N, C-alpha and C. Protein backbone atom coordinates (compact mmCIF):
# COMPACT_ATOMS: atom_id res chain seq x y z
N MET A 1 96.44 74.53 108.80
CA MET A 1 95.59 74.89 109.90
C MET A 1 95.71 76.37 110.22
N ILE A 2 96.95 76.90 110.21
CA ILE A 2 97.14 78.32 110.48
C ILE A 2 96.41 79.15 109.44
N ARG A 3 96.43 78.72 108.17
CA ARG A 3 95.76 79.49 107.12
C ARG A 3 94.26 79.51 107.35
N LEU A 4 93.69 78.40 107.78
CA LEU A 4 92.26 78.36 108.04
C LEU A 4 91.92 79.31 109.17
N LEU A 5 92.70 79.30 110.23
CA LEU A 5 92.46 80.22 111.34
C LEU A 5 92.62 81.66 110.89
N LEU A 6 93.63 81.93 110.08
CA LEU A 6 93.84 83.27 109.56
C LEU A 6 92.64 83.72 108.75
N ALA A 7 92.09 82.84 107.95
CA ALA A 7 90.95 83.19 107.11
C ALA A 7 89.71 83.47 107.95
N LEU A 8 89.62 82.88 109.14
CA LEU A 8 88.42 83.03 109.97
C LEU A 8 88.53 84.10 111.04
N MET A 9 89.72 84.66 111.26
CA MET A 9 89.87 85.67 112.30
C MET A 9 89.11 86.93 111.93
N THR A 10 88.17 87.34 112.79
CA THR A 10 87.38 88.52 112.47
C THR A 10 86.98 89.32 113.70
N LEU A 11 87.75 89.33 114.76
CA LEU A 11 87.27 89.94 115.97
C LEU A 11 88.00 91.19 116.44
N ALA A 12 89.10 91.58 115.87
CA ALA A 12 89.84 92.74 116.35
C ALA A 12 89.81 93.86 115.33
N SER A 13 90.37 95.00 115.70
CA SER A 13 90.42 96.10 114.75
C SER A 13 91.42 95.79 113.65
N PRO A 14 91.24 96.38 112.46
CA PRO A 14 92.07 96.04 111.31
C PRO A 14 93.55 96.29 111.53
N ALA A 15 94.35 95.40 110.98
CA ALA A 15 95.80 95.58 110.98
C ALA A 15 96.17 96.48 109.81
N ILE A 16 97.33 97.06 109.86
CA ILE A 16 97.80 97.93 108.79
C ILE A 16 98.89 97.20 108.02
N ALA A 17 98.77 97.17 106.70
CA ALA A 17 99.77 96.51 105.86
C ALA A 17 100.57 97.57 105.11
N ASP A 18 101.84 97.27 104.91
CA ASP A 18 102.66 98.13 104.06
C ASP A 18 102.22 97.94 102.62
N GLU A 19 102.46 98.96 101.79
CA GLU A 19 102.13 98.82 100.38
C GLU A 19 103.03 97.75 99.77
N GLY A 20 102.44 96.89 98.97
CA GLY A 20 103.19 95.79 98.38
C GLY A 20 103.23 95.88 96.87
N VAL A 21 103.54 94.76 96.26
CA VAL A 21 103.55 94.62 94.81
C VAL A 21 102.10 94.48 94.36
N ALA A 22 101.64 95.38 93.52
CA ALA A 22 100.23 95.39 93.10
C ALA A 22 99.88 94.14 92.30
N LEU A 23 98.69 93.63 92.56
CA LEU A 23 98.16 92.52 91.79
C LEU A 23 97.63 93.03 90.45
N PRO A 24 97.47 92.17 89.45
CA PRO A 24 96.93 92.60 88.16
C PRO A 24 95.51 93.19 88.29
N ALA A 25 95.10 93.90 87.28
CA ALA A 25 93.76 94.50 87.24
C ALA A 25 92.71 93.44 87.52
N GLY A 26 91.71 93.81 88.30
CA GLY A 26 90.59 92.92 88.59
C GLY A 26 90.68 92.24 89.94
N PHE A 27 91.88 92.12 90.52
CA PHE A 27 92.04 91.46 91.81
C PHE A 27 91.63 92.37 92.97
N ASP A 28 91.91 93.68 92.87
CA ASP A 28 91.59 94.59 93.96
C ASP A 28 90.09 94.63 94.21
N GLY A 29 89.73 94.83 95.46
CA GLY A 29 88.32 94.93 95.82
C GLY A 29 88.10 94.50 97.26
N VAL A 30 86.84 94.36 97.61
CA VAL A 30 86.45 93.94 98.95
C VAL A 30 85.86 92.54 98.85
N TYR A 31 86.33 91.65 99.71
CA TYR A 31 85.93 90.25 99.73
C TYR A 31 85.55 89.84 101.14
N ALA A 32 84.94 88.68 101.26
CA ALA A 32 84.72 88.03 102.55
C ALA A 32 85.13 86.57 102.39
N THR A 33 85.68 86.01 103.46
CA THR A 33 86.01 84.59 103.43
C THR A 33 84.75 83.82 103.13
N GLU A 34 84.85 82.85 102.24
CA GLU A 34 83.68 82.08 101.82
C GLU A 34 82.87 81.62 103.03
N GLY A 35 81.57 81.89 103.00
CA GLY A 35 80.69 81.51 104.09
C GLY A 35 80.45 82.61 105.10
N LEU A 36 81.24 83.71 105.04
CA LEU A 36 81.05 84.82 105.95
C LEU A 36 80.37 85.97 105.22
N VAL A 37 79.67 86.81 105.96
CA VAL A 37 79.01 87.97 105.36
C VAL A 37 80.00 89.11 105.21
N CYS A 38 79.65 90.05 104.39
CA CYS A 38 80.53 91.18 104.07
C CYS A 38 80.34 92.34 105.04
N ASP A 39 80.15 92.06 106.32
CA ASP A 39 80.04 93.15 107.29
C ASP A 39 81.43 93.67 107.63
N SER A 40 81.50 94.63 108.50
CA SER A 40 82.79 95.26 108.78
C SER A 40 83.81 94.29 109.38
N LEU A 41 83.37 93.24 110.08
CA LEU A 41 84.31 92.29 110.68
C LEU A 41 84.70 91.16 109.73
N GLY A 42 83.86 90.83 108.77
CA GLY A 42 84.15 89.72 107.86
C GLY A 42 84.81 90.14 106.56
N ARG A 43 85.05 91.43 106.41
CA ARG A 43 85.58 91.96 105.16
C ARG A 43 87.10 91.85 105.06
N VAL A 44 87.55 91.68 103.84
CA VAL A 44 88.97 91.72 103.50
C VAL A 44 89.10 92.67 102.32
N GLU A 45 89.96 93.66 102.43
CA GLU A 45 90.17 94.60 101.33
C GLU A 45 91.52 94.36 100.69
N ILE A 46 91.51 94.25 99.36
CA ILE A 46 92.75 94.11 98.59
C ILE A 46 92.96 95.40 97.83
N ARG A 47 94.15 96.00 98.05
CA ARG A 47 94.47 97.24 97.34
C ARG A 47 95.98 97.44 97.37
N ASP A 48 96.56 97.74 96.24
CA ASP A 48 97.99 98.06 96.13
C ASP A 48 98.89 96.98 96.71
N GLY A 49 98.53 95.71 96.51
CA GLY A 49 99.36 94.62 96.97
C GLY A 49 99.22 94.30 98.45
N ALA A 50 98.25 94.91 99.12
CA ALA A 50 98.00 94.63 100.53
C ALA A 50 96.60 94.03 100.67
N MET A 51 96.48 93.04 101.55
CA MET A 51 95.21 92.39 101.86
C MET A 51 94.99 92.55 103.35
N VAL A 52 94.00 93.35 103.72
CA VAL A 52 93.79 93.69 105.12
C VAL A 52 92.43 93.21 105.58
N GLY A 53 92.43 92.40 106.64
CA GLY A 53 91.21 91.93 107.27
C GLY A 53 91.12 92.47 108.68
N ALA A 54 90.17 91.98 109.45
CA ALA A 54 89.93 92.48 110.79
C ALA A 54 91.10 92.21 111.73
N GLU A 55 91.79 91.09 111.55
CA GLU A 55 92.87 90.76 112.48
C GLU A 55 94.12 90.26 111.76
N PHE A 56 94.27 90.58 110.51
CA PHE A 56 95.46 90.15 109.78
C PHE A 56 95.75 91.11 108.64
N ALA A 57 96.97 91.06 108.17
CA ALA A 57 97.37 91.82 106.99
C ALA A 57 98.37 90.98 106.22
N MET A 58 98.18 90.90 104.91
CA MET A 58 99.11 90.20 104.04
C MET A 58 99.60 91.20 103.00
N THR A 59 100.88 91.18 102.75
CA THR A 59 101.47 92.06 101.75
C THR A 59 102.14 91.20 100.70
N VAL A 60 101.83 91.46 99.43
CA VAL A 60 102.47 90.76 98.33
C VAL A 60 103.87 91.33 98.18
N THR A 61 104.88 90.48 98.37
CA THR A 61 106.27 90.94 98.27
C THR A 61 106.92 90.58 96.94
N ASP A 62 106.33 89.61 96.24
CA ASP A 62 106.83 89.23 94.92
C ASP A 62 105.67 88.61 94.15
N LEU A 63 105.69 88.75 92.85
CA LEU A 63 104.58 88.28 92.04
C LEU A 63 105.11 87.74 90.72
N ILE A 64 104.60 86.57 90.33
CA ILE A 64 104.92 85.99 89.03
C ILE A 64 103.60 85.77 88.30
N GLU A 65 103.45 86.41 87.15
CA GLU A 65 102.23 86.23 86.37
C GLU A 65 102.31 84.92 85.59
N VAL A 66 101.19 84.24 85.45
CA VAL A 66 101.13 82.98 84.72
C VAL A 66 100.87 83.32 83.25
N PRO A 67 101.80 82.96 82.36
CA PRO A 67 101.63 83.27 80.94
C PRO A 67 100.31 82.70 80.40
N GLY A 68 99.56 83.52 79.69
CA GLY A 68 98.33 83.08 79.07
C GLY A 68 97.12 83.05 80.00
N ASP A 69 97.30 83.38 81.28
CA ASP A 69 96.17 83.38 82.21
C ASP A 69 96.24 84.63 83.09
N PRO A 70 95.59 85.72 82.66
CA PRO A 70 95.67 86.98 83.41
C PRO A 70 95.00 86.91 84.78
N ASN A 71 94.24 85.86 85.04
CA ASN A 71 93.54 85.72 86.32
C ASN A 71 94.27 84.82 87.30
N LYS A 72 95.53 84.47 87.00
CA LYS A 72 96.28 83.58 87.89
C LYS A 72 97.68 84.14 88.09
N VAL A 73 98.09 84.25 89.37
CA VAL A 73 99.43 84.71 89.72
C VAL A 73 99.97 83.88 90.87
N GLU A 74 101.29 83.78 90.91
CA GLU A 74 101.95 83.16 92.05
C GLU A 74 102.56 84.29 92.87
N VAL A 75 102.30 84.30 94.18
CA VAL A 75 102.75 85.40 95.02
C VAL A 75 103.54 84.91 96.23
N SER A 76 104.46 85.74 96.67
CA SER A 76 105.11 85.59 97.95
C SER A 76 104.43 86.59 98.88
N LEU A 77 104.18 86.18 100.13
CA LEU A 77 103.41 87.00 101.05
C LEU A 77 104.17 87.21 102.36
N SER A 78 104.06 88.42 102.89
CA SER A 78 104.48 88.72 104.24
C SER A 78 103.18 88.87 105.03
N ILE A 79 103.02 88.11 106.11
CA ILE A 79 101.74 88.05 106.81
C ILE A 79 101.95 88.44 108.27
N ALA A 80 101.01 89.22 108.80
CA ALA A 80 100.98 89.58 110.21
C ALA A 80 99.57 89.32 110.72
N GLY A 81 99.47 88.62 111.84
CA GLY A 81 98.17 88.36 112.43
C GLY A 81 98.30 87.52 113.68
N GLY A 82 97.35 87.66 114.57
CA GLY A 82 97.35 86.87 115.78
C GLY A 82 98.59 87.07 116.63
N GLY A 83 99.22 88.24 116.52
CA GLY A 83 100.41 88.54 117.30
C GLY A 83 101.70 88.03 116.70
N GLY A 84 101.66 87.41 115.51
CA GLY A 84 102.86 86.89 114.89
C GLY A 84 103.06 87.42 113.49
N GLU A 85 104.23 87.15 112.95
CA GLU A 85 104.55 87.51 111.57
C GLU A 85 105.27 86.34 110.91
N TRP A 86 104.97 86.09 109.63
CA TRP A 86 105.61 85.00 108.90
C TRP A 86 105.49 85.26 107.41
N THR A 87 106.15 84.43 106.63
CA THR A 87 106.07 84.53 105.17
C THR A 87 105.44 83.25 104.64
N ASP A 88 104.86 83.37 103.46
CA ASP A 88 104.24 82.22 102.80
C ASP A 88 104.17 82.52 101.32
N SER A 89 103.67 81.58 100.56
CA SER A 89 103.45 81.78 99.13
C SER A 89 102.12 81.12 98.78
N ALA A 90 101.55 81.52 97.65
CA ALA A 90 100.29 80.96 97.21
C ALA A 90 100.10 81.26 95.73
N VAL A 91 99.26 80.45 95.10
CA VAL A 91 98.80 80.75 93.75
C VAL A 91 97.40 81.33 93.91
N LEU A 92 97.20 82.55 93.41
CA LEU A 92 95.90 83.21 93.49
C LEU A 92 95.22 83.10 92.14
N THR A 93 93.96 82.68 92.16
CA THR A 93 93.19 82.57 90.92
C THR A 93 91.89 83.33 91.08
N LEU A 94 91.71 84.35 90.26
CA LEU A 94 90.47 85.11 90.22
C LEU A 94 89.53 84.42 89.25
N SER A 95 88.29 84.17 89.69
CA SER A 95 87.34 83.49 88.82
C SER A 95 87.08 84.32 87.57
N GLY A 96 86.61 83.66 86.52
CA GLY A 96 86.35 84.33 85.25
C GLY A 96 85.38 85.49 85.37
N ASP A 97 84.42 85.39 86.28
CA ASP A 97 83.45 86.47 86.47
C ASP A 97 83.92 87.48 87.51
N GLY A 98 85.10 87.25 88.10
CA GLY A 98 85.66 88.18 89.07
C GLY A 98 85.00 88.15 90.44
N GLN A 99 84.14 87.18 90.68
CA GLN A 99 83.37 87.16 91.93
C GLN A 99 83.98 86.32 93.05
N SER A 100 85.04 85.58 92.76
CA SER A 100 85.70 84.82 93.83
C SER A 100 87.20 84.77 93.58
N LEU A 101 87.93 84.64 94.67
CA LEU A 101 89.38 84.59 94.63
C LEU A 101 89.82 83.37 95.43
N ARG A 102 90.60 82.51 94.78
CA ARG A 102 91.05 81.26 95.40
C ARG A 102 92.54 81.35 95.71
N PHE A 103 92.92 80.94 96.92
CA PHE A 103 94.30 80.85 97.35
C PHE A 103 94.67 79.38 97.43
N ASP A 104 95.64 78.93 96.66
CA ASP A 104 96.15 77.56 96.74
C ASP A 104 97.56 77.64 97.31
N TYR A 105 97.74 77.04 98.49
CA TYR A 105 99.01 77.09 99.20
C TYR A 105 99.85 75.84 98.91
N PRO A 106 101.18 75.93 99.11
CA PRO A 106 102.07 74.80 98.83
C PRO A 106 101.73 73.52 99.60
N ASP A 107 101.08 73.63 100.76
CA ASP A 107 100.74 72.43 101.53
C ASP A 107 99.41 71.82 101.08
N SER A 108 98.89 72.25 99.94
CA SER A 108 97.64 71.79 99.33
C SER A 108 96.38 72.32 100.00
N SER A 109 96.50 73.23 100.96
CA SER A 109 95.30 73.83 101.52
C SER A 109 94.80 74.94 100.59
N THR A 110 93.51 75.21 100.69
CA THR A 110 92.86 76.19 99.83
C THR A 110 91.97 77.09 100.66
N VAL A 111 91.96 78.38 100.34
CA VAL A 111 91.06 79.34 100.96
C VAL A 111 90.34 80.07 99.83
N MET A 112 89.04 80.24 99.97
CA MET A 112 88.24 80.97 98.98
C MET A 112 87.68 82.24 99.59
N TRP A 113 87.74 83.34 98.83
CA TRP A 113 87.10 84.58 99.22
C TRP A 113 86.06 84.91 98.16
N SER A 114 84.93 85.47 98.58
CA SER A 114 83.87 85.90 97.67
C SER A 114 83.81 87.41 97.66
N ARG A 115 83.68 87.98 96.46
CA ARG A 115 83.63 89.45 96.33
C ARG A 115 82.35 89.98 96.95
N CYS A 116 82.47 91.08 97.64
CA CYS A 116 81.32 91.74 98.27
C CYS A 116 80.67 92.71 97.27
N GLY A 117 79.36 92.80 97.35
CA GLY A 117 78.54 93.72 96.59
C GLY A 117 79.07 94.18 95.34
């Protein structure tokens, strides 16, 4: 439930994330949570291991590449948002065409982001 709320938060000014462990080539870019438009409030930018949205920031603190699949990584995350901070992990899968990014969390919840323009 917290992840769903995190994915939908879009009302405050952007949080600042520390530089993290960089994701493999192709993951960086600008996304929007699936179903939201890519305006300034719905955008999420991934760069240098940091994922920054309007009211949250996630930093990749550790990364394990999946052998034989350059579009899939397992990450540890440091997250700040909604006035709190916590850690989590997820398997990130970039679609073959690079147009969507899927987060699969240990509790079986999933969040999808779609690449902007």
